[in-house]
Amino acid sequence: MMFHKKKTPPQPNLWKINQNVLELIFECAKSSYPNEFGGFLKTDTTKSFIITELVLIPGTISGDAHAIFQMHMLPIDYTIVGTVHSHPSPNTTPSSADLALFERYGKIHIISGYPYVNSSWNAFSYKGDKIKLQII
């Protein structure tokens, strides 16, 4: 009988995000306000812990309390590592729906809260634990 070693999730303190990507997230959130904005986070390689791009998919439905992704429109791309969405309030605490999404898709997730500035966002692991995300 052969046992496979379980893959260890990436260490949270390794994650970084490009400042330009973070600013783009804020601008997208502002333009969708008072509705939620949603997108995906992408790295430059499958082994990277640096978020370098924001991916928007066609057909995303935005409302005042949700952003619904059309997952069938998401390209097959192993450098997509998680999700990002906004809340139309300053509260960046994940909802139960957010936590369900985090568990199903990706390793890292960002919630940006109103007013969509450097002090109004948080990053989370796929388990919903708050993690540090270094801006570069």
Protein backbone atom coordinates (compact mmCIF):
# COMPACT_ATOMS: atom_id res chain seq x y z
CA MET A 1 0.00 0.00 0.00
CA MET A 2 1.38 3.40 -0.96
CA PHE A 3 0.72 6.55 1.06
CA HIS A 4 0.85 9.99 -0.47
CA LYS A 5 2.14 12.87 1.56
CA LYS A 6 -0.58 15.48 2.01
CA LYS A 7 0.33 18.80 0.45
CA THR A 8 0.85 21.53 3.01
CA PRO A 9 -0.89 24.80 2.16
CA PRO A 10 1.45 27.71 1.49
CA GLN A 11 2.58 29.59 4.57
CA PRO A 12 0.46 32.74 4.95
CA ASN A 13 3.43 35.00 5.64
CA LEU A 14 4.82 34.31 2.14
CA TRP A 15 1.98 36.01 0.26
CA LYS A 16 2.56 39.40 -1.37
CA ILE A 17 0.53 41.63 -3.69
CA ASN A 18 1.66 44.17 -6.23
CA GLN A 19 0.58 47.71 -5.22
CA ASN A 20 -0.87 48.32 -8.71
CA VAL A 21 -3.12 45.28 -8.40
CA LEU A 22 -4.37 46.46 -5.01
CA GLU A 23 -5.11 49.92 -6.41
CA LEU A 24 -7.00 48.34 -9.33
CA ILE A 25 -9.08 46.34 -6.83
CA PHE A 26 -9.96 49.58 -5.01
CA GLU A 27 -10.93 51.32 -8.27
CA CYS A 28 -13.11 48.40 -9.38
CA ALA A 29 -14.82 48.37 -5.97
CA LYS A 30 -15.42 52.13 -6.13
CA SER A 31 -16.90 51.89 -9.63
CA SER A 32 -19.27 49.09 -8.54
CA TYR A 33 -20.35 50.82 -5.31
CA PRO A 34 -22.99 50.44 -3.80
CA ASN A 35 -22.90 46.96 -5.33
CA GLU A 36 -20.23 44.38 -4.63
CA PHE A 37 -17.38 43.84 -7.05
CA GLY A 38 -15.78 40.42 -7.61
CA GLY A 39 -12.74 39.03 -9.36
CA PHE A 40 -9.91 36.54 -9.16
CA LEU A 41 -6.29 36.82 -8.04
CA LYS A 42 -3.48 35.58 -10.25
CA THR A 43 0.26 35.02 -9.80
CA ASP A 44 2.87 35.05 -12.54
CA THR A 45 3.78 31.35 -12.11
CA THR A 46 2.29 28.32 -10.38
CA LYS A 47 5.04 28.45 -7.71
CA SER A 48 4.80 32.16 -6.96
CA PHE A 49 3.30 33.72 -3.84
CA ILE A 50 3.12 37.18 -5.44
CA ILE A 51 -0.27 38.34 -6.73
CA THR A 52 0.47 40.16 -9.98
CA GLU A 53 -2.89 40.35 -11.76
CA LEU A 54 -6.60 40.80 -11.26
CA VAL A 55 -8.81 38.61 -13.46
CA LEU A 56 -12.37 39.70 -14.24
CA ILE A 57 -14.71 37.20 -15.81
CA PRO A 58 -17.68 37.99 -18.04
CA GLY A 59 -21.15 37.68 -16.61
CA THR A 60 -20.32 38.37 -12.96
CA ILE A 61 -23.52 39.54 -11.29
CA SER A 62 -23.16 42.28 -8.70
CA GLY A 63 -25.73 43.26 -6.10
CA ASP A 64 -25.77 45.15 -2.83
CA ALA A 65 -24.99 41.97 -0.86
CA HIS A 66 -23.42 39.61 -3.40
CA ALA A 67 -21.14 39.09 -6.35
CA ILE A 68 -22.04 35.93 -8.26
CA PHE A 69 -19.34 34.47 -10.47
CA GLN A 70 -20.10 32.58 -13.66
CA MET A 71 -17.50 29.91 -12.90
CA HIS A 72 -17.89 28.29 -16.32
CA MET A 73 -16.39 31.49 -17.79
CA LEU A 74 -13.22 31.17 -15.71
CA PRO A 75 -10.26 30.11 -17.85
CA ILE A 76 -8.33 26.98 -16.96
CA ASP A 77 -5.35 28.71 -15.43
CA TYR A 78 -3.35 27.22 -12.58
CA THR A 79 -1.87 30.61 -11.69
CA ILE A 80 -5.25 31.83 -10.42
CA VAL A 81 -4.84 31.49 -6.65
CA GLY A 82 -7.96 32.99 -5.10
CA THR A 83 -10.74 35.54 -5.14
CA VAL A 84 -11.34 39.16 -4.32
CA HIS A 85 -14.58 40.99 -3.69
CA SER A 86 -15.79 44.16 -2.06
CA HIS A 87 -18.29 44.90 0.66
CA PRO A 88 -20.30 48.14 0.39
CA SER A 89 -19.65 48.76 4.10
CA PRO A 90 -16.40 49.08 6.07
CA ASN A 91 -16.93 45.54 7.44
CA THR A 92 -14.45 43.09 5.88
CA THR A 93 -15.53 40.07 7.93
CA PRO A 94 -16.32 37.12 5.64
CA SER A 95 -19.95 36.02 5.52
CA SER A 96 -20.93 32.34 5.53
CA ALA A 97 -21.24 32.53 1.73
CA ASP A 98 -17.74 34.05 1.56
CA LEU A 99 -16.35 31.23 3.69
CA ALA A 100 -18.01 28.62 1.48
CA LEU A 101 -16.39 30.22 -1.59
CA PHE A 102 -12.99 30.41 0.14
CA GLU A 103 -13.09 26.66 0.90
CA ARG A 104 -14.03 25.75 -2.66
CA TYR A 105 -11.77 27.98 -4.66
CA GLY A 106 -8.23 29.14 -4.09
CA LYS A 107 -5.65 29.62 -1.38
CA ILE A 108 -5.94 33.34 -0.66
CA HIS A 109 -8.87 35.74 -0.67
CA ILE A 110 -9.25 39.48 -0.27
CA ILE A 111 -12.24 41.48 0.94
CA SER A 112 -12.09 45.23 0.39
CA GLY A 113 -14.47 47.36 2.44
CA TYR A 114 -15.77 50.87 1.86
CA PRO A 115 -14.09 53.42 1.34
CA TYR A 116 -11.73 51.08 -0.61
CA VAL A 117 -8.36 52.41 0.54
CA ASN A 118 -5.17 50.83 1.96
CA SER A 119 -6.65 50.69 5.46
CA SER A 120 -9.98 49.06 4.49
CA TRP A 121 -9.17 45.55 3.30
CA ASN A 122 -8.11 42.18 4.67
CA ALA A 123 -6.71 38.95 3.28
CA PHE A 124 -7.88 35.49 4.33
CA SER A 125 -6.76 31.90 3.93
CA TYR A 126 -9.00 29.29 2.33
CA LYS A 127 -10.15 28.46 5.89
CA GLY A 128 -11.25 32.05 6.52
CA ASP A 129 -8.37 32.90 8.85
CA LYS A 130 -7.07 36.46 8.53
CA ILE A 131 -3.57 36.52 7.11
CA LYS A 132 -0.96 39.15 6.41
CA LEU A 133 -0.47 40.10 2.77
CA GLN A 134 2.61 42.23 2.11
CA ILE A 135 2.24 45.06 -0.43
CA ILE A 136 5.17 45.35 -2.84
